[in-house]
Amino acid sequence: MSPLLVGVALGATSAFMLDPQQGRRRRELVRDKVEDPRYRATALTRAAGALLLLYAVSRGGLVGIGALAVGAALLGRASANRPITSLGRRAAPVS
C-alpha cells in the first residue's frame, strides 16, 4: 500500500475520531466494541474451567489430576479477571 494512502487513511480516521461534536460518542462506541469480547472470553474461560473440573472428577488418575489443575487455574483466572500468568503472584497493595 502506498504511503500516501496510509497517510490519508490515518488523517481521515483521526479527524473522524477527534471530531469535537461527535468524537466522544464515537470513541465510546469503539471502546464498547473492544470491551465486549473481553467479557465473552471471561465467560468462556469460566465455562471451560468448570467443564474441566467435571471431567477431572469423572476421569481420575494422572489425566484427572492434570484436568483438575488446568480447570482450577481457568476458574481462578476468570474469577480474578486476571491473566493466568499473574495468578501465582501476590497482588500489589492498594494505597
N, C-alpha and C. Protein backbone atom coordinates (compact mmCIF):
# COMPACT_ATOMS: atom_id res chain seq x y z
N MET A 1 0.86 -1.18 0.00
CA MET A 1 0.00 0.00 0.00
C MET A 1 0.90 1.23 0.00
N SER A 2 0.50 2.22 -0.71
CA SER A 2 1.35 3.40 -0.85
C SER A 2 1.31 4.25 0.43
N PRO A 3 2.41 4.89 0.75
CA PRO A 3 2.46 5.73 1.94
C PRO A 3 1.44 6.86 1.91
N LEU A 4 1.15 7.35 0.71
CA LEU A 4 0.16 8.43 0.60
C LEU A 4 -1.22 7.94 1.05
N LEU A 5 -1.61 6.73 0.63
CA LEU A 5 -2.91 6.18 1.04
C LEU A 5 -2.97 5.93 2.55
N VAL A 6 -1.86 5.45 3.10
CA VAL A 6 -1.81 5.22 4.55
C VAL A 6 -1.97 6.55 5.28
N GLY A 7 -1.29 7.58 4.81
CA GLY A 7 -1.40 8.90 5.44
C GLY A 7 -2.80 9.47 5.35
N VAL A 8 -3.44 9.30 4.19
CA VAL A 8 -4.81 9.80 4.02
C VAL A 8 -5.76 9.04 4.95
N ALA A 9 -5.59 7.71 5.03
CA ALA A 9 -6.46 6.91 5.90
C ALA A 9 -6.27 7.28 7.37
N LEU A 10 -5.04 7.46 7.80
CA LEU A 10 -4.78 7.85 9.19
C LEU A 10 -5.34 9.24 9.49
N GLY A 11 -5.20 10.16 8.56
CA GLY A 11 -5.73 11.51 8.75
C GLY A 11 -7.25 11.52 8.83
N ALA A 12 -7.89 10.76 7.95
CA ALA A 12 -9.35 10.69 7.97
C ALA A 12 -9.86 10.04 9.24
N THR A 13 -9.18 8.98 9.67
CA THR A 13 -9.59 8.30 10.91
C THR A 13 -9.41 9.24 12.11
N SER A 14 -8.31 9.94 12.15
CA SER A 14 -8.07 10.88 13.26
C SER A 14 -9.12 11.98 13.28
N ALA A 15 -9.43 12.53 12.13
CA ALA A 15 -10.44 13.59 12.07
C ALA A 15 -11.81 13.05 12.50
N PHE A 16 -12.11 11.84 12.10
CA PHE A 16 -13.39 11.23 12.44
C PHE A 16 -13.50 10.98 13.94
N MET A 17 -12.42 10.48 14.55
CA MET A 17 -12.46 10.13 15.98
C MET A 17 -12.27 11.34 16.89
N LEU A 18 -11.59 12.37 16.43
CA LEU A 18 -11.31 13.54 17.26
C LEU A 18 -12.23 14.72 16.96
N ASP A 19 -13.29 14.45 16.24
CA ASP A 19 -14.29 15.48 15.93
C ASP A 19 -14.83 16.06 17.23
N PRO A 20 -14.87 17.40 17.40
CA PRO A 20 -15.31 18.00 18.66
C PRO A 20 -16.79 17.74 18.98
N GLN A 21 -17.62 17.49 17.97
CA GLN A 21 -19.04 17.32 18.24
C GLN A 21 -19.43 15.86 18.47
N GLN A 22 -18.93 14.95 17.65
CA GLN A 22 -19.33 13.54 17.75
C GLN A 22 -18.18 12.61 18.15
N GLY A 23 -16.98 13.13 18.30
CA GLY A 23 -15.82 12.29 18.57
C GLY A 23 -15.92 11.49 19.85
N ARG A 24 -16.41 12.11 20.91
CA ARG A 24 -16.51 11.41 22.19
C ARG A 24 -17.44 10.19 22.08
N ARG A 25 -18.58 10.38 21.43
CA ARG A 25 -19.53 9.28 21.27
C ARG A 25 -18.92 8.16 20.43
N ARG A 26 -18.22 8.53 19.37
CA ARG A 26 -17.58 7.52 18.52
C ARG A 26 -16.50 6.75 19.27
N ARG A 27 -15.71 7.45 20.07
CA ARG A 27 -14.68 6.76 20.86
C ARG A 27 -15.29 5.82 21.87
N GLU A 28 -16.40 6.22 22.50
CA GLU A 28 -17.08 5.35 23.45
C GLU A 28 -17.65 4.11 22.76
N LEU A 29 -18.16 4.27 21.55
CA LEU A 29 -18.65 3.11 20.80
C LEU A 29 -17.52 2.13 20.49
N VAL A 30 -16.37 2.66 20.10
CA VAL A 30 -15.22 1.80 19.82
C VAL A 30 -14.77 1.10 21.10
N ARG A 31 -14.74 1.82 22.22
CA ARG A 31 -14.35 1.23 23.49
C ARG A 31 -15.30 0.10 23.88
N ASP A 32 -16.60 0.31 23.68
CA ASP A 32 -17.57 -0.75 23.98
C ASP A 32 -17.35 -1.97 23.10
N LYS A 33 -17.06 -1.76 21.84
CA LYS A 33 -16.81 -2.89 20.92
C LYS A 33 -15.57 -3.67 21.33
N VAL A 34 -14.58 -2.99 21.88
CA VAL A 34 -13.36 -3.67 22.31
C VAL A 34 -13.59 -4.43 23.62
N GLU A 35 -14.39 -3.88 24.53
CA GLU A 35 -14.63 -4.50 25.83
C GLU A 35 -15.52 -5.74 25.73
N ASP A 36 -16.47 -5.77 24.79
CA ASP A 36 -17.42 -6.87 24.71
C ASP A 36 -16.76 -8.24 24.54
N PRO A 37 -15.77 -8.41 23.64
CA PRO A 37 -15.13 -9.72 23.52
C PRO A 37 -14.39 -10.14 24.78
N ARG A 38 -13.90 -9.16 25.54
CA ARG A 38 -13.21 -9.50 26.78
C ARG A 38 -14.16 -10.15 27.78
N TYR A 39 -15.38 -9.62 27.89
CA TYR A 39 -16.36 -10.22 28.78
C TYR A 39 -16.78 -11.60 28.30
N ARG A 40 -16.91 -11.76 26.99
CA ARG A 40 -17.26 -13.08 26.45
C ARG A 40 -16.14 -14.08 26.71
N ALA A 41 -14.90 -13.65 26.57
CA ALA A 41 -13.77 -14.54 26.82
C ALA A 41 -13.74 -14.97 28.28
N THR A 42 -14.08 -14.08 29.19
CA THR A 42 -14.12 -14.44 30.61
C THR A 42 -15.19 -15.49 30.85
N ALA A 43 -16.35 -15.34 30.23
CA ALA A 43 -17.42 -16.32 30.39
C ALA A 43 -17.01 -17.67 29.81
N LEU A 44 -16.36 -17.66 28.66
CA LEU A 44 -15.91 -18.92 28.06
C LEU A 44 -14.82 -19.58 28.90
N THR A 45 -13.94 -18.78 29.47
CA THR A 45 -12.90 -19.33 30.34
C THR A 45 -13.50 -19.98 31.56
N ARG A 46 -14.50 -19.32 32.14
CA ARG A 46 -15.18 -19.87 33.31
C ARG A 46 -15.86 -21.20 32.96
N ALA A 47 -16.54 -21.25 31.82
CA ALA A 47 -17.22 -22.48 31.40
C ALA A 47 -16.22 -23.60 31.12
N ALA A 48 -15.11 -23.28 30.46
CA ALA A 48 -14.10 -24.29 30.18
C ALA A 48 -13.49 -24.84 31.47
N GLY A 49 -13.25 -23.97 32.45
CA GLY A 49 -12.72 -24.43 33.73
C GLY A 49 -13.69 -25.34 34.44
N ALA A 50 -14.97 -25.00 34.43
CA ALA A 50 -15.97 -25.84 35.09
C ALA A 50 -16.08 -27.19 34.39
N LEU A 51 -16.05 -27.20 33.07
CA LEU A 51 -16.12 -28.47 32.34
C LEU A 51 -14.90 -29.34 32.61
N LEU A 52 -13.73 -28.72 32.69
CA LEU A 52 -12.53 -29.49 33.00
C LEU A 52 -12.58 -30.07 34.42
N LEU A 53 -13.15 -29.33 35.35
CA LEU A 53 -13.29 -29.87 36.71
C LEU A 53 -14.24 -31.06 36.73
N LEU A 54 -15.34 -30.97 36.00
CA LEU A 54 -16.26 -32.10 35.91
C LEU A 54 -15.59 -33.31 35.25
N TYR A 55 -14.82 -33.06 34.21
CA TYR A 55 -14.10 -34.12 33.54
C TYR A 55 -13.09 -34.75 34.49
N ALA A 56 -12.41 -33.94 35.28
CA ALA A 56 -11.41 -34.46 36.22
C ALA A 56 -12.04 -35.38 37.25
N VAL A 57 -13.23 -35.03 37.71
CA VAL A 57 -13.91 -35.86 38.71
C VAL A 57 -14.27 -37.21 38.11
N SER A 58 -14.72 -37.21 36.86
CA SER A 58 -15.13 -38.47 36.24
C SER A 58 -13.95 -39.29 35.75
N ARG A 59 -12.83 -38.67 35.46
CA ARG A 59 -11.69 -39.36 34.86
C ARG A 59 -10.80 -40.03 35.90
N GLY A 60 -10.34 -39.27 36.87
CA GLY A 60 -9.43 -39.81 37.87
C GLY A 60 -8.04 -40.03 37.28
N GLY A 61 -7.12 -40.52 38.08
CA GLY A 61 -5.77 -40.81 37.64
C GLY A 61 -4.97 -39.55 37.33
N LEU A 62 -3.87 -39.75 36.60
CA LEU A 62 -2.97 -38.65 36.29
C LEU A 62 -3.63 -37.64 35.34
N VAL A 63 -4.40 -38.13 34.38
CA VAL A 63 -5.10 -37.23 33.48
C VAL A 63 -6.11 -36.39 34.25
N GLY A 64 -6.79 -37.01 35.21
CA GLY A 64 -7.75 -36.29 36.04
C GLY A 64 -7.09 -35.21 36.87
N ILE A 65 -5.91 -35.50 37.39
CA ILE A 65 -5.18 -34.51 38.18
C ILE A 65 -4.78 -33.33 37.30
N GLY A 66 -4.31 -33.62 36.08
CA GLY A 66 -3.95 -32.54 35.16
C GLY A 66 -5.16 -31.70 34.78
N ALA A 67 -6.28 -32.36 34.50
CA ALA A 67 -7.50 -31.63 34.17
C ALA A 67 -7.98 -30.81 35.35
N LEU A 68 -7.82 -31.35 36.55
CA LEU A 68 -8.20 -30.61 37.76
C LEU A 68 -7.36 -29.34 37.92
N ALA A 69 -6.06 -29.47 37.69
CA ALA A 69 -5.17 -28.31 37.82
C ALA A 69 -5.49 -27.23 36.78
N VAL A 70 -5.68 -27.66 35.54
CA VAL A 70 -5.97 -26.69 34.48
C VAL A 70 -7.34 -26.06 34.69
N GLY A 71 -8.34 -26.87 35.07
CA GLY A 71 -9.68 -26.34 35.33
C GLY A 71 -9.69 -25.34 36.47
N ALA A 72 -8.96 -25.66 37.54
CA ALA A 72 -8.90 -24.74 38.68
C ALA A 72 -8.20 -23.44 38.28
N ALA A 73 -7.14 -23.54 37.46
CA ALA A 73 -6.44 -22.32 37.01
C ALA A 73 -7.36 -21.46 36.14
N LEU A 74 -8.13 -22.10 35.26
CA LEU A 74 -9.04 -21.33 34.41
C LEU A 74 -10.14 -20.67 35.23
N LEU A 75 -10.69 -21.39 36.18
CA LEU A 75 -11.72 -20.79 37.04
C LEU A 75 -11.14 -19.65 37.88
N GLY A 76 -9.94 -19.84 38.38
CA GLY A 76 -9.30 -18.78 39.15
C GLY A 76 -9.03 -17.55 38.31
N ARG A 77 -8.61 -17.77 37.06
CA ARG A 77 -8.36 -16.65 36.16
C ARG A 77 -9.65 -15.90 35.85
N ALA A 78 -10.72 -16.64 35.60
CA ALA A 78 -11.99 -15.99 35.28
C ALA A 78 -12.56 -15.27 36.50
N SER A 79 -12.39 -15.84 37.67
CA SER A 79 -12.92 -15.21 38.89
C SER A 79 -12.14 -13.96 39.26
N ALA A 80 -10.83 -14.02 39.12
CA ALA A 80 -9.99 -12.87 39.47
C ALA A 80 -9.92 -11.86 38.35
N ASN A 81 -10.35 -12.28 37.14
CA ASN A 81 -10.30 -11.42 35.96
C ASN A 81 -8.89 -10.92 35.72
N ARG A 82 -7.93 -11.84 35.87
CA ARG A 82 -6.52 -11.54 35.67
C ARG A 82 -5.91 -12.56 34.73
N PRO A 83 -4.81 -12.23 34.06
CA PRO A 83 -4.15 -13.22 33.19
C PRO A 83 -3.66 -14.41 34.00
N ILE A 84 -3.63 -15.58 33.38
CA ILE A 84 -3.20 -16.80 34.08
C ILE A 84 -1.78 -16.64 34.60
N THR A 85 -0.91 -15.96 33.88
CA THR A 85 0.48 -15.83 34.30
C THR A 85 0.64 -15.06 35.61
N SER A 86 -0.37 -14.26 35.97
CA SER A 86 -0.24 -13.47 37.20
C SER A 86 -0.96 -14.10 38.38
N LEU A 87 -1.54 -15.29 38.24
CA LEU A 87 -2.31 -15.88 39.34
C LEU A 87 -1.42 -16.31 40.50
N GLY A 88 -0.18 -16.69 40.21
CA GLY A 88 0.70 -17.13 41.28
C GLY A 88 1.34 -15.99 42.05
N ARG A 89 1.26 -14.79 41.54
CA ARG A 89 1.90 -13.64 42.20
C ARG A 89 0.93 -12.97 43.17
N ARG A 90 1.51 -12.33 44.14
CA ARG A 90 0.69 -11.58 45.09
C ARG A 90 0.27 -10.26 44.48
N ALA A 91 -0.93 -9.83 44.83
CA ALA A 91 -1.44 -8.56 44.32
C ALA A 91 -0.72 -7.40 45.00
N ALA A 92 -0.54 -6.32 44.29
CA ALA A 92 0.11 -5.14 44.86
C ALA A 92 -0.84 -4.50 45.87
N PRO A 93 -0.32 -4.00 46.98
CA PRO A 93 -1.17 -3.37 47.98
C PRO A 93 -1.82 -2.10 47.44
N VAL A 94 -3.05 -1.89 47.85
CA VAL A 94 -3.78 -0.70 47.43
C VAL A 94 -3.50 0.42 48.41
N SER A 95 -3.07 1.60 47.89
CA SER A 95 -2.79 2.71 48.80
C SER A 95 -3.92 3.67 48.89
